[in-house]
Amino acid sequence: MADSLSTGLGEEKDKETGDTERDRKAAHAEKNTKGDGVTETLGFSDKNGGSMGKKRNLSDLSLVRFITTELTRGYFLEHNEAKYTERRERVYTCLRIPKELEKLMTFGFFLCLDAFLYVFTLLPLRVILALLRLLTLPCCGLGGSRLLQPAQVCDVLKGFIMVLCYSMMSYVDYAMMYHLIRGQSVIKLYIIYNMLEVADRLFSSFGQDILDALYWTATEPKEKKRAHIGVIPHFLMAVLYVFLHAILIMVQATTLNVAFNSHNKSLLTIMMSNNFVEIKGSVFKKFEKNNLFQMSNSDIKERFTNYILLLIVCLRNMEQFSWNPDHLWVLFPDVVMVIASEVAVDVVKHAFITKFNDISADVYGEYRASLAFDLVSSRQKNAYTDYSDSVSRRMGFIPLPLALLLIRVVTSSVKIQGSLSFMCVLLFYLGMITLKVLNSIVLLGTSCVFVKEAKMEEKLFDPPPSVVSSRVNSRAHRTKHVHTSPQQATADKGGTPLASDNSQPNATAETSAPTLPKSDSDTFLTTPDEEDDDKIINADTGLEGDGLKSRTPKKDLLEIDRFTICGNRID
């Protein structure tokens, strides 16, 4: 009896010990599961949960479950709505760029055409009227301070420059230049053409300054103190510049003509590939709105110049083939290929520049308004420049050398003999005048619409930029003396400046602030600075109000021409 009781107690004790061990293992397993839940969901086991990894079901690690998870996994784009909306707007901006860019290019092309036709149509008539006034005014006995108005003096100077340069260009043999260039290798011609493009930009940047210096020297009021070398030296420099620039463009046209007439078209292909190099040099660099405006002006000028060069090439080739119309269709595919490559490069370049620099496509409307403002302001009574000169400064397009070369090529290619030929020339001249007048009327009406849309009417009655800048500089100079004089006085005394001494210069600076006309277009056409939006700038000195540190003033689009250094790049 006693043995049976002891045996029963031993079995119960062993059973309780087994249950205790099982409970302890289960609790330990739950603890590892909570601590290593992330690891187990991935199907792996670490050092802390190694025992549980061995007991996992093999079906959880199957390839079927992984593939099923990848096929059924989902996500929601609406969780990052702002990011994807911005990406969609960038796509829409790139799609709008070709349309907006071609609007600007078309408007700029007709602006250049208007300035170019002015040299052939209205300039000769204005020169004749100025010479008639110069000859008849002394005979009539009319006294006055000026024999000729300043605009008439500039017209006469332009006429004399054209006549002298044309007489000098008559000694240049185009055929000899063609054969000299044709004998060079393809690589050498490619290098020469690139050098000519660089030289053309340098000539354009300095040439308009030479012409402006001549015009101002000839029309400067006599009561001012003489600070120049004389009208004749300036006139000789202008004649030399126009002649050299015309020779440079003639070499460009000759190189392009050689490329058209080559048998394998390799040179033409290389010259066209040079346009695509612009994408590499422009797209991956930082651009601001003013820099993009300069590039747009450069593209307009380059496209118009290429059209005139293609016209010269066609005239020379048609002359060599006795004006056979069938040969024109031989040249037509190459002409279309050159123009298409130029348009494609411009579209791609501007599309990616606006994308990488986060510039809206609406900026091209501002550029059109700035170009239209030049045309409208040149028709005002207080105009301070001729429209053709304004286009030259804005775009770097100087029509005198290009017009001189076209006259030289036309007169050497077309022979005028007999009264019927003179009648055809007269009718052609009248047709050009008609085209010039119609183009000017349409451009003037379109420009007025652009100016009204941009709300820039108030700027038409503002003084010229040079006058405004000189006034601001003079007032800034006076304000500088007001700021420094109290501090110098206290420094000499060796005392501490009083509060009234500090408040007096500020009050004086506020009273001496220039009262220039303001309009909404000032902010509409100015590129804001990203880092200095919250800083207050003194209008007189262009200094920050808190630290009075020097900074570069913001440049308005109306003050930006082709060769103004503004920002990081000029292309």
Foldseek 3Di string as FASTA:
>chain_A
DVVVVVVVVVVVVVVVVVVVVVVVVVVLQVVLCVVCVVQVLVLHDDPSGPPVSVVDDVVSVDPVVVVVCVVPDDDDPVVVVVVVVVVVVLVVQLVCLLVLLVVLLVLLLLLLVLLQLCVQFVLVVLQVVLVVLLVCVVVVVDDDPDSDDLVSVLSVLLVVLLVVLLVVCVPDDLVVLLVVLLPDDLVVLLVLLVVLVVVLLVLLVVLLVLSVVLSCQVNPDPVDDDDDDHNVVSSVVNSVSLNVSLVSLSSNLSSVLSLLPDDVSPSVVSNLVVLLVVLVVQLPDADDLLQVLLVSLQLSQVLSSVVLSVVLSVLVVCLVVVNDVVVVVVSVVSVVVSNVSSSVSVSVNVSSNCSVNVNGSCSSLVSLLLLLLLLQLQPDPQRDDHSSSVSCFARSHNNSSSSSNVVSSCPVRDDQDDPVSVVVVVVVNVVSNVVSVVSSVVSNVVNVVSNVVLVPPVVSPFDDPVVVVVVLQVLLVVLVCLVVVLVVVCVVVVDDDDPVSVVVSVVVLVVSQDPGDDDPSVVVQWGDDPPCPPFDARRRNRATPPPRDHDDDIDGSNRRHNPDDDPDDRD
